[in-house]
Amino acid sequence: MKKLLYILLFVSFSGVSLAGNSDKEKSTTKVIAGKITDSYGESIPGAKILIPETGETFFADMDGNFKLSIKTDKEYSLKINTIGFEPLEVKATYLSAFSDLSLKSL
């Protein structure tokens, strides 16, 4: 009985919430997806996708496809590059799906 009382006191004074996070702490995320291609429509596997605002880096799969999550409360950009192609930067704030993102060869 004493142990249960100590646990309840600890939880009540430590600020631990058993009910979960408040609405202010929750952040909504959305999935951004797309395909990276060259100027001929051929997929570019392994292209690097950087979100400069967070420092996160992702890579396209073998078919040039990518999928990532971003928070909806901020404005983000995607910087896409790979060897032999000009870098491309696009805003990702309101978009959830990109048509082919075409990179121009150098």
PDB file of N, CA and C in Angstrom:
ATOM      1  N   MET A   1       0.825  -1.185   0.000  1.00  0.00           N
ATOM      2  CA  MET A   1       0.000   0.000   0.000  1.00  0.00           C
ATOM      3  C   MET A   1       0.872   1.253   0.000  1.00  0.00           C
ATOM      4  N   LYS A   2       1.975   1.218   0.771  1.00  0.00           N
ATOM      5  CA  LYS A   2       2.873   2.368   0.812  1.00  0.00           C
ATOM      6  C   LYS A   2       3.499   2.617  -0.561  1.00  0.00           C
ATOM      7  N   LYS A   3       3.859   1.538  -1.251  1.00  0.00           N
ATOM      8  CA  LYS A   3       4.476   1.683  -2.570  1.00  0.00           C
ATOM      9  C   LYS A   3       3.525   2.367  -3.540  1.00  0.00           C
ATOM     10  N   LEU A   4       2.261   1.974  -3.501  1.00  0.00           N
ATOM     11  CA  LEU A   4       1.282   2.578  -4.388  1.00  0.00           C
ATOM     12  C   LEU A   4       1.125   4.060  -4.080  1.00  0.00           C
ATOM     13  N   LEU A   5       1.118   4.420  -2.811  1.00  0.00           N
ATOM     14  CA  LEU A   5       1.016   5.820  -2.413  1.00  0.00           C
ATOM     15  C   LEU A   5       2.223   6.604  -2.899  1.00  0.00           C
ATOM     16  N   TYR A   6       3.421   6.051  -2.766  1.00  0.00           N
ATOM     17  CA  TYR A   6       4.633   6.723  -3.245  1.00  0.00           C
ATOM     18  C   TYR A   6       4.603   6.923  -4.764  1.00  0.00           C
ATOM     19  N   ILE A   7       4.134   5.920  -5.488  1.00  0.00           N
ATOM     20  CA  ILE A   7       4.051   6.029  -6.942  1.00  0.00           C
ATOM     21  C   ILE A   7       3.072   7.125  -7.340  1.00  0.00           C
ATOM     22  N   LEU A   8       1.907   7.157  -6.705  1.00  0.00           N
ATOM     23  CA  LEU A   8       0.920   8.187  -7.014  1.00  0.00           C
ATOM     24  C   LEU A   8       1.437   9.577  -6.688  1.00  0.00           C
ATOM     25  N   LEU A   9       2.140   9.726  -5.573  1.00  0.00           N
ATOM     26  CA  LEU A   9       2.722  11.016  -5.215  1.00  0.00           C
ATOM     27  C   LEU A   9       3.789  11.433  -6.226  1.00  0.00           C
ATOM     28  N   PHE A  10       4.623  10.493  -6.639  1.00  0.00           N
ATOM     29  CA  PHE A  10       5.674  10.790  -7.607  1.00  0.00           C
ATOM     30  C   PHE A  10       5.082  11.265  -8.925  1.00  0.00           C
ATOM     31  N   VAL A  11       4.064  10.536  -9.400  1.00  0.00           N
ATOM     32  CA  VAL A  11       3.440  10.899 -10.667  1.00  0.00           C
ATOM     33  C   VAL A  11       2.772  12.264 -10.574  1.00  0.00           C
ATOM     34  N   SER A  12       2.106  12.554  -9.467  1.00  0.00           N
ATOM     35  CA  SER A  12       1.399  13.828  -9.358  1.00  0.00           C
ATOM     36  C   SER A  12       2.349  15.014  -9.219  1.00  0.00           C
ATOM     37  N   PHE A  13       3.508  14.837  -8.592  1.00  0.00           N
ATOM     38  CA  PHE A  13       4.438  15.943  -8.407  1.00  0.00           C
ATOM     39  C   PHE A  13       5.511  16.038  -9.489  1.00  0.00           C
ATOM     40  N   SER A  14       5.679  15.013 -10.282  1.00  0.00           N
ATOM     41  CA  SER A  14       6.740  15.036 -11.293  1.00  0.00           C
ATOM     42  C   SER A  14       6.300  15.689 -12.597  1.00  0.00           C
ATOM     43  N   GLY A  15       5.031  15.971 -12.721  1.00  0.00           N
ATOM     44  CA  GLY A  15       4.548  16.588 -13.951  1.00  0.00           C
ATOM     45  C   GLY A  15       4.295  15.593 -15.062  1.00  0.00           C
ATOM     46  N   VAL A  16       4.378  14.311 -14.763  1.00  0.00           N
ATOM     47  CA  VAL A  16       4.109  13.288 -15.763  1.00  0.00           C
ATOM     48  C   VAL A  16       2.613  13.241 -16.010  1.00  0.00           C
ATOM     49  N   SER A  17       2.232  13.297 -17.256  1.00  0.00           N
ATOM     50  CA  SER A  17       0.817  13.268 -17.606  1.00  0.00           C
ATOM     51  C   SER A  17       0.453  11.880 -18.101  1.00  0.00           C
ATOM     52  N   LEU A  18      -0.542  11.310 -17.487  1.00  0.00           N
ATOM     53  CA  LEU A  18      -1.018  10.009 -17.933  1.00  0.00           C
ATOM     54  C   LEU A  18      -2.041  10.144 -19.052  1.00  0.00           C
ATOM     55  N   ALA A  19      -2.493  11.371 -19.287  1.00  0.00           N
ATOM     56  CA  ALA A  19      -3.512  11.597 -20.304  1.00  0.00           C
ATOM     57  C   ALA A  19      -2.923  11.843 -21.688  1.00  0.00           C
ATOM     58  N   GLY A  20      -1.622  12.027 -21.804  1.00  0.00           N
ATOM     59  CA  GLY A  20      -1.005  12.265 -23.112  1.00  0.00           C
ATOM     60  C   GLY A  20      -0.671  13.727 -23.300  1.00  0.00           C
ATOM     61  N   ASN A  21      -0.260  14.074 -24.514  1.00  0.00           N
ATOM     62  CA  ASN A  21       0.140  15.439 -24.832  1.00  0.00           C
ATOM     63  C   ASN A  21      -1.068  16.341 -25.028  1.00  0.00           C
ATOM     64  N   SER A  22      -0.873  17.614 -24.769  1.00  0.00           N
ATOM     65  CA  SER A  22      -1.932  18.579 -25.027  1.00  0.00           C
ATOM     66  C   SER A  22      -1.986  18.875 -26.514  1.00  0.00           C
ATOM     67  N   ASP A  23      -3.066  19.532 -26.961  1.00  0.00           N
ATOM     68  CA  ASP A  23      -3.221  19.870 -28.374  1.00  0.00           C
ATOM     69  C   ASP A  23      -2.126  20.805 -28.857  1.00  0.00           C
ATOM     70  N   LYS A  24      -1.594  21.665 -27.978  1.00  0.00           N
ATOM     71  CA  LYS A  24      -0.541  22.592 -28.368  1.00  0.00           C
ATOM     72  C   LYS A  24       0.739  21.867 -28.729  1.00  0.00           C
ATOM     73  N   GLU A  25       0.995  20.719 -28.083  1.00  0.00           N
ATOM     74  CA  GLU A  25       2.227  19.980 -28.319  1.00  0.00           C
ATOM     75  C   GLU A  25       2.135  19.082 -29.550  1.00  0.00           C
ATOM     76  N   LYS A  26       0.926  18.781 -29.994  1.00  0.00           N
ATOM     77  CA  LYS A  26       0.764  17.894 -31.140  1.00  0.00           C
ATOM     78  C   LYS A  26       1.047  18.653 -32.427  1.00  0.00           C
ATOM     79  N   SER A  27       1.662  17.993 -33.338  1.00  0.00           N
ATOM     80  CA  SER A  27       1.954  18.598 -34.630  1.00  0.00           C
ATOM     81  C   SER A  27       1.417  17.679 -35.720  1.00  0.00           C
ATOM     82  N   THR A  28       0.724  18.253 -36.644  1.00  0.00           N
ATOM     83  CA  THR A  28       0.170  17.476 -37.736  1.00  0.00           C
ATOM     84  C   THR A  28       1.234  17.299 -38.808  1.00  0.00           C
ATOM     85  N   THR A  29       1.316  16.099 -39.336  1.00  0.00           N
ATOM     86  CA  THR A  29       2.269  15.834 -40.416  1.00  0.00           C
ATOM     87  C   THR A  29       1.517  15.420 -41.667  1.00  0.00           C
ATOM     88  N   LYS A  30       2.166  15.604 -42.792  1.00  0.00           N
ATOM     89  CA  LYS A  30       1.605  15.156 -44.052  1.00  0.00           C
ATOM     90  C   LYS A  30       2.694  14.447 -44.833  1.00  0.00           C
ATOM     91  N   VAL A  31       2.280  13.529 -45.654  1.00  0.00           N
ATOM     92  CA  VAL A  31       3.204  12.749 -46.469  1.00  0.00           C
ATOM     93  C   VAL A  31       3.391  13.452 -47.801  1.00  0.00           C
ATOM     94  N   ILE A  32       4.645  13.622 -48.176  1.00  0.00           N
ATOM     95  CA  ILE A  32       5.008  14.186 -49.470  1.00  0.00           C
ATOM     96  C   ILE A  32       5.577  13.042 -50.307  1.00  0.00           C
ATOM     97  N   ALA A  33       5.071  12.878 -51.505  1.00  0.00           N
ATOM     98  CA  ALA A  33       5.546  11.802 -52.372  1.00  0.00           C
ATOM     99  C   ALA A  33       5.768  12.336 -53.781  1.00  0.00           C
ATOM    100  N   GLY A  34       6.658  11.698 -54.501  1.00  0.00           N
ATOM    101  CA  GLY A  34       6.919  12.116 -55.870  1.00  0.00           C
ATOM    102  C   GLY A  34       7.863  11.170 -56.581  1.00  0.00           C
ATOM    103  N   LYS A  35       8.179  11.518 -57.800  1.00  0.00           N
ATOM    104  CA  LYS A  35       9.105  10.727 -58.607  1.00  0.00           C
ATOM    105  C   LYS A  35      10.090  11.673 -59.274  1.00  0.00           C
ATOM    106  N   ILE A  36      11.354  11.304 -59.241  1.00  0.00           N
ATOM    107  CA  ILE A  36      12.416  12.115 -59.829  1.00  0.00           C
ATOM    108  C   ILE A  36      12.836  11.468 -61.145  1.00  0.00           C
ATOM    109  N   THR A  37      12.797  12.292 -62.200  1.00  0.00           N
ATOM    110  CA  THR A  37      13.133  11.791 -63.532  1.00  0.00           C
ATOM    111  C   THR A  37      14.126  12.730 -64.207  1.00  0.00           C
ATOM    112  N   ASP A  38      14.667  12.272 -65.336  1.00  0.00           N
ATOM    113  CA  ASP A  38      15.509  13.144 -66.154  1.00  0.00           C
ATOM    114  C   ASP A  38      14.627  13.807 -67.215  1.00  0.00           C
ATOM    115  N   SER A  39      15.224  14.576 -68.101  1.00  0.00           N
ATOM    116  CA  SER A  39      14.451  15.309 -69.110  1.00  0.00           C
ATOM    117  C   SER A  39      13.780  14.395 -70.137  1.00  0.00           C
ATOM    118  N   TYR A  40      14.173  13.116 -70.182  1.00  0.00           N
ATOM    119  CA  TYR A  40      13.553  12.149 -71.084  1.00  0.00           C
ATOM    120  C   TYR A  40      12.470  11.322 -70.398  1.00  0.00           C
ATOM    121  N   GLY A  41      12.214  11.614 -69.116  1.00  0.00           N
ATOM    122  CA  GLY A  41      11.197  10.869 -68.373  1.00  0.00           C
ATOM    123  C   GLY A  41      11.702   9.593 -67.732  1.00  0.00           C
ATOM    124  N   GLU A  42      12.999   9.337 -67.830  1.00  0.00           N
ATOM    125  CA  GLU A  42      13.582   8.145 -67.204  1.00  0.00           C
ATOM    126  C   GLU A  42      13.806   8.417 -65.718  1.00  0.00           C
ATOM    127  N   SER A  43      13.505   7.446 -64.880  1.00  0.00           N
ATOM    128  CA  SER A  43      13.664   7.635 -63.443  1.00  0.00           C
ATOM    129  C   SER A  43      15.136   7.763 -63.055  1.00  0.00           C
ATOM    130  N   ILE A  44      15.382   8.505 -61.983  1.00  0.00           N
ATOM    131  CA  ILE A  44      16.739   8.692 -61.470  1.00  0.00           C
ATOM    132  C   ILE A  44      16.808   8.036 -60.095  1.00  0.00           C
ATOM    133  N   PRO A  45      17.316   6.823 -60.028  1.00  0.00           N
ATOM    134  CA  PRO A  45      17.410   6.147 -58.734  1.00  0.00           C
ATOM    135  C   PRO A  45      18.490   6.777 -57.857  1.00  0.00           C
ATOM    136  N   GLY A  46      18.223   6.814 -56.565  1.00  0.00           N
ATOM    137  CA  GLY A  46      19.223   7.274 -55.600  1.00  0.00           C
ATOM    138  C   GLY A  46      19.416   8.768 -55.516  1.00  0.00           C
ATOM    139  N   ALA A  47      18.560   9.558 -56.167  1.00  0.00           N
ATOM    140  CA  ALA A  47      18.686  11.015 -56.076  1.00  0.00           C
ATOM    141  C   ALA A  47      18.494  11.444 -54.615  1.00  0.00           C
ATOM    142  N   LYS A  48      19.260  12.444 -54.213  1.00  0.00           N
ATOM    143  CA  LYS A  48      19.225  12.913 -52.825  1.00  0.00           C
ATOM    144  C   LYS A  48      18.181  14.016 -52.673  1.00  0.00           C
ATOM    145  N   ILE A  49      17.333  13.889 -51.632  1.00  0.00           N
ATOM    146  CA  ILE A  49      16.328  14.899 -51.314  1.00  0.00           C
ATOM    147  C   ILE A  49      16.661  15.445 -49.932  1.00  0.00           C
ATOM    148  N   LEU A  50      16.970  16.730 -49.863  1.00  0.00           N
ATOM    149  CA  LEU A  50      17.343  17.382 -48.608  1.00  0.00           C
ATOM    150  C   LEU A  50      16.252  18.362 -48.214  1.00  0.00           C
ATOM    151  N   ILE A  51      15.873  18.356 -46.926  1.00  0.00           N
ATOM    152  CA  ILE A  51      14.988  19.380 -46.377  1.00  0.00           C
ATOM    153  C   ILE A  51      15.883  20.312 -45.568  1.00  0.00           C
ATOM    154  N   PRO A  52      16.275  21.468 -46.140  1.00  0.00           N
ATOM    155  CA  PRO A  52      17.236  22.342 -45.473  1.00  0.00           C
ATOM    156  C   PRO A  52      16.773  22.842 -44.105  1.00  0.00           C
ATOM    157  N   GLU A  53      15.476  23.044 -43.937  1.00  0.00           N
ATOM    158  CA  GLU A  53      14.953  23.575 -42.676  1.00  0.00           C
ATOM    159  C   GLU A  53      15.134  22.609 -41.508  1.00  0.00           C
ATOM    160  N   THR A  54      15.202  21.315 -41.784  1.00  0.00           N
ATOM    161  CA  THR A  54      15.361  20.325 -40.715  1.00  0.00           C
ATOM    162  C   THR A  54      16.696  19.590 -40.781  1.00  0.00           C
ATOM    163  N   GLY A  55      17.356  19.666 -41.944  1.00  0.00           N
ATOM    164  CA  GLY A  55      18.611  18.936 -42.121  1.00  0.00           C
ATOM    165  C   GLY A  55      18.407  17.474 -42.469  1.00  0.00           C
ATOM    166  N   GLU A  56      17.164  17.040 -42.643  1.00  0.00           N
ATOM    167  CA  GLU A  56      16.886  15.645 -42.965  1.00  0.00           C
ATOM    168  C   GLU A  56      17.210  15.367 -44.433  1.00  0.00           C
ATOM    169  N   THR A  57      17.752  14.186 -44.686  1.00  0.00           N
ATOM    170  CA  THR A  57      18.095  13.759 -46.037  1.00  0.00           C
ATOM    171  C   THR A  57      17.411  12.439 -46.342  1.00  0.00           C
ATOM    172  N   PHE A  58      16.866  12.345 -47.543  1.00  0.00           N
ATOM    173  CA  PHE A  58      16.209  11.135 -48.013  1.00  0.00           C
ATOM    174  C   PHE A  58      16.768  10.810 -49.389  1.00  0.00           C
ATOM    175  N   PHE A  59      16.532   9.596 -49.847  1.00  0.00           N
ATOM    176  CA  PHE A  59      17.003   9.182 -51.161  1.00  0.00           C
ATOM    177  C   PHE A  59      15.868   8.521 -51.928  1.00  0.00           C
ATOM    178  N   ALA A  60      15.833   8.767 -53.229  1.00  0.00           N
ATOM    179  CA  ALA A  60      14.842   8.125 -54.086  1.00  0.00           C
ATOM    180  C   ALA A  60      15.155   6.633 -54.186  1.00  0.00           C
ATOM    181  N   ASP A  61      14.125   5.829 -54.372  1.00  0.00           N
ATOM    182  CA  ASP A  61      14.340   4.391 -54.508  1.00  0.00           C
ATOM    183  C   ASP A  61      14.824   4.054 -55.921  1.00  0.00           C
ATOM    184  N   MET A  62      14.872   2.793 -56.249  1.00  0.00           N
ATOM    185  CA  MET A  62      15.410   2.346 -57.540  1.00  0.00           C
ATOM    186  C   MET A  62      14.571   2.817 -58.730  1.00  0.00           C
ATOM    187  N   ASP A  63      13.320   3.203 -58.481  1.00  0.00           N
ATOM    188  CA  ASP A  63      12.453   3.694 -59.549  1.00  0.00           C
ATOM    189  C   ASP A  63      12.331   5.218 -59.532  1.00  0.00           C
ATOM    190  N   GLY A  64      13.139   5.882 -58.708  1.00  0.00           N
ATOM    191  CA  GLY A  64      13.094   7.335 -58.618  1.00  0.00           C
ATOM    192  C   GLY A  64      12.015   7.876 -57.696  1.00  0.00           C
ATOM    193  N   ASN A  65      11.275   6.998 -57.041  1.00  0.00           N
ATOM    194  CA  ASN A  65      10.190   7.414 -56.155  1.00  0.00           C
ATOM    195  C   ASN A  65      10.712   7.770 -54.765  1.00  0.00           C
ATOM    196  N   PHE A  66      10.023   8.702 -54.120  1.00  0.00           N
ATOM    197  CA  PHE A  66      10.335   9.022 -52.732  1.00  0.00           C
ATOM    198  C   PHE A  66       9.050   9.321 -51.977  1.00  0.00           C
ATOM    199  N   LYS A  67       9.109   9.142 -50.658  1.00  0.00           N
ATOM    200  CA  LYS A  67       7.994   9.436 -49.778  1.00  0.00           C
ATOM    201  C   LYS A  67       8.580   9.872 -48.445  1.00  0.00           C
ATOM    202  N   LEU A  68       8.128  11.007 -47.933  1.00  0.00           N
ATOM    203  CA  LEU A  68       8.622  11.509 -46.654  1.00  0.00           C
ATOM    204  C   LEU A  68       7.520  12.266 -45.937  1.00  0.00           C
ATOM    205  N   SER A  69       7.704  12.507 -44.659  1.00  0.00           N
ATOM    206  CA  SER A  69       6.718  13.226 -43.853  1.00  0.00           C
ATOM    207  C   SER A  69       7.284  14.562 -43.414  1.00  0.00           C
ATOM    208  N   ILE A  70       6.423  15.589 -43.455  1.00  0.00           N
ATOM    209  CA  ILE A  70       6.804  16.909 -42.965  1.00  0.00           C
ATOM    210  C   ILE A  70       5.700  17.419 -42.047  1.00  0.00           C
ATOM    211  N   LYS A  71       6.058  18.315 -41.151  1.00  0.00           N
ATOM    212  CA  LYS A  71       5.063  18.950 -40.299  1.00  0.00           C
ATOM    213  C   LYS A  71       4.338  20.009 -41.115  1.00  0.00           C
ATOM    214  N   THR A  72       3.058  20.149 -40.872  1.00  0.00           N
ATOM    215  CA  THR A  72       2.263  21.083 -41.672  1.00  0.00           C
ATOM    216  C   THR A  72       2.285  22.501 -41.120  1.00  0.00           C
ATOM    217  N   ASP A  73       2.888  22.711 -39.967  1.00  0.00           N
ATOM    218  CA  ASP A  73       2.870  24.043 -39.364  1.00  0.00           C
ATOM    219  C   ASP A  73       4.020  24.935 -39.830  1.00  0.00           C
ATOM    220  N   LYS A  74       4.858  24.454 -40.735  1.00  0.00           N
ATOM    221  CA  LYS A  74       5.993  25.234 -41.230  1.00  0.00           C
ATOM    222  C   LYS A  74       6.079  25.152 -42.739  1.00  0.00           C
ATOM    223  N   GLU A  75       6.829  26.080 -43.311  1.00  0.00           N
ATOM    224  CA  GLU A  75       7.076  26.052 -44.748  1.00  0.00           C
ATOM    225  C   GLU A  75       8.409  25.340 -44.992  1.00  0.00           C
ATOM    226  N   TYR A  76       8.413  24.380 -45.909  1.00  0.00           N
ATOM    227  CA  TYR A  76       9.603  23.605 -46.204  1.00  0.00           C
ATOM    228  C   TYR A  76       9.931  23.686 -47.690  1.00  0.00           C
ATOM    229  N   SER A  77      11.185  23.449 -47.991  1.00  0.00           N
ATOM    230  CA  SER A  77      11.589  23.290 -49.381  1.00  0.00           C
ATOM    231  C   SER A  77      12.338  21.971 -49.506  1.00  0.00           C
ATOM    232  N   LEU A  78      12.318  21.429 -50.695  1.00  0.00           N
ATOM    233  CA  LEU A  78      13.053  20.205 -50.991  1.00  0.00           C
ATOM    234  C   LEU A  78      14.145  20.556 -51.975  1.00  0.00           C
ATOM    235  N   LYS A  79      15.383  20.210 -51.642  1.00  0.00           N
ATOM    236  CA  LYS A  79      16.504  20.382 -52.570  1.00  0.00           C
ATOM    237  C   LYS A  79      16.867  18.999 -53.084  1.00  0.00           C
ATOM    238  N   ILE A  80      16.763  18.840 -54.383  1.00  0.00           N
ATOM    239  CA  ILE A  80      16.987  17.543 -55.003  1.00  0.00           C
ATOM    240  C   ILE A  80      18.216  17.638 -55.898  1.00  0.00           C
ATOM    241  N   ASN A  81      19.142  16.702 -55.697  1.00  0.00           N
ATOM    242  CA  ASN A  81      20.319  16.684 -56.564  1.00  0.00           C
ATOM    243  C   ASN A  81      20.920  15.296 -56.648  1.00  0.00           C
ATOM    244  N   THR A  82      21.701  15.130 -57.694  1.00  0.00           N
ATOM    245  CA  THR A  82      22.451  13.899 -57.908  1.00  0.00           C
ATOM    246  C   THR A  82      23.557  14.214 -58.908  1.00  0.00           C
ATOM    247  N   ILE A  83      24.535  13.368 -58.983  1.00  0.00           N
ATOM    248  CA  ILE A  83      25.685  13.592 -59.853  1.00  0.00           C
ATOM    249  C   ILE A  83      25.241  13.643 -61.319  1.00  0.00           C
ATOM    250  N   GLY A  84      25.738  14.652 -62.043  1.00  0.00           N
ATOM    251  CA  GLY A  84      25.453  14.773 -63.465  1.00  0.00           C
ATOM    252  C   GLY A  84      24.214  15.583 -63.807  1.00  0.00           C
ATOM    253  N   PHE A  85      23.522  16.109 -62.777  1.00  0.00           N
ATOM    254  CA  PHE A  85      22.298  16.867 -63.019  1.00  0.00           C
ATOM    255  C   PHE A  85      22.328  18.176 -62.239  1.00  0.00           C
ATOM    256  N   GLU A  86      21.615  19.184 -62.769  1.00  0.00           N
ATOM    257  CA  GLU A  86      21.489  20.449 -62.070  1.00  0.00           C
ATOM    258  C   GLU A  86      20.590  20.262 -60.850  1.00  0.00           C
ATOM    259  N   PRO A  87      20.933  20.866 -59.713  1.00  0.00           N
ATOM    260  CA  PRO A  87      20.062  20.769 -58.533  1.00  0.00           C
ATOM    261  C   PRO A  87      18.706  21.430 -58.786  1.00  0.00           C
ATOM    262  N   LEU A  88      17.683  20.947 -58.101  1.00  0.00           N
ATOM    263  CA  LEU A  88      16.331  21.480 -58.222  1.00  0.00           C
ATOM    264  C   LEU A  88      15.802  21.764 -56.819  1.00  0.00           C
ATOM    265  N   GLU A  89      15.176  22.918 -56.637  1.00  0.00           N
ATOM    266  CA  GLU A  89      14.573  23.252 -55.342  1.00  0.00           C
ATOM    267  C   GLU A  89      13.099  23.562 -55.562  1.00  0.00           C
ATOM    268  N   VAL A  90      12.235  22.939 -54.746  1.00  0.00           N
ATOM    269  CA  VAL A  90      10.787  23.164 -54.822  1.00  0.00           C
ATOM    270  C   VAL A  90      10.237  23.380 -53.420  1.00  0.00           C
ATOM    271  N   LYS A  91       9.190  24.175 -53.308  1.00  0.00           N
ATOM    272  CA  LYS A  91       8.498  24.383 -52.032  1.00  0.00           C
ATOM    273  C   LYS A  91       7.542  23.232 -51.803  1.00  0.00           C
ATOM    274  N   ALA A  92       7.476  22.756 -50.565  1.00  0.00           N
ATOM    275  CA  ALA A  92       6.648  21.593 -50.254  1.00  0.00           C
ATOM    276  C   ALA A  92       5.565  21.887 -49.225  1.00  0.00           C
ATOM    277  N   THR A  93       5.263  23.132 -48.975  1.00  0.00           N
ATOM    278  CA  THR A  93       4.336  23.476 -47.910  1.00  0.00           C
ATOM    279  C   THR A  93       2.929  22.942 -48.130  1.00  0.00           C
ATOM    280  N   TYR A  94       2.347  23.220 -49.268  1.00  0.00           N
ATOM    281  CA  TYR A  94       0.951  22.875 -49.477  1.00  0.00           C
ATOM    282  C   TYR A  94       0.756  21.655 -50.365  1.00  0.00           C
ATOM    283  N   LEU A  95       1.824  21.124 -50.897  1.00  0.00           N
ATOM    284  CA  LEU A  95       1.708  19.991 -51.808  1.00  0.00           C
ATOM    285  C   LEU A  95       1.806  18.674 -51.053  1.00  0.00           C
ATOM    286  N   SER A  96       1.125  17.678 -51.530  1.00  0.00           N
ATOM    287  CA  SER A  96       1.262  16.353 -50.937  1.00  0.00           C
ATOM    288  C   SER A  96       1.766  15.345 -51.959  1.00  0.00           C
ATOM    289  N   ALA A  97       1.630  15.676 -53.232  1.00  0.00           N
ATOM    290  CA  ALA A  97       2.127  14.785 -54.281  1.00  0.00           C
ATOM    291  C   ALA A  97       2.690  15.631 -55.414  1.00  0.00           C
ATOM    292  N   PHE A  98       3.828  15.244 -55.882  1.00  0.00           N
ATOM    293  CA  PHE A  98       4.466  15.936 -56.991  1.00  0.00           C
ATOM    294  C   PHE A  98       4.324  15.076 -58.226  1.00  0.00           C
ATOM    295  N   SER A  99       4.065  15.726 -59.349  1.00  0.00           N
ATOM    296  CA  SER A  99       4.192  14.990 -60.597  1.00  0.00           C
ATOM    297  C   SER A  99       5.699  14.801 -60.793  1.00  0.00           C
ATOM    298  N   ASP A 100       6.092  14.252 -61.879  1.00  0.00           N
ATOM    299  CA  ASP A 100       7.521  14.009 -62.072  1.00  0.00           C
ATOM    300  C   ASP A 100       8.340  15.277 -61.852  1.00  0.00           C
ATOM    301  N   LEU A 101       9.342  15.179 -61.024  1.00  0.00           N
ATOM    302  CA  LEU A 101      10.302  16.261 -60.811  1.00  0.00           C
ATOM    303  C   LEU A 101      11.460  15.994 -61.739  1.00  0.00           C
ATOM    304  N   SER A 102      11.561  16.773 -62.777  1.00  0.00           N
ATOM    305  CA  SER A 102      12.530  16.516 -63.820  1.00  0.00           C
ATOM    306  C   SER A 102      13.815  17.298 -63.576  1.00  0.00           C
ATOM    307  N   LEU A 103      14.933  16.586 -63.533  1.00  0.00           N
ATOM    308  CA  LEU A 103      16.237  17.202 -63.381  1.00  0.00           C
ATOM    309  C   LEU A 103      16.872  17.352 -64.766  1.00  0.00           C
ATOM    310  N   LYS A 104      17.524  18.478 -64.976  1.00  0.00           N
ATOM    311  CA  LYS A 104      18.225  18.723 -66.245  1.00  0.00           C
ATOM    312  C   LYS A 104      19.667  18.236 -66.121  1.00  0.00           C
ATOM    313  N   SER A 105      20.137  17.567 -67.141  1.00  0.00           N
ATOM    314  CA  SER A 105      21.524  17.092 -67.115  1.00  0.00           C
ATOM    315  C   SER A 105      22.477  18.276 -67.303  1.00  0.00           C
ATOM    316  N   LEU A 106      23.680  18.117 -66.776  1.00  0.00           N
ATOM    317  CA  LEU A 106      24.681  19.191 -66.884  1.00  0.00           C
ATOM    318  C   LEU A 106      25.272  19.279 -68.262  1.00  0.00           C
TER     319      LEU A 106
END
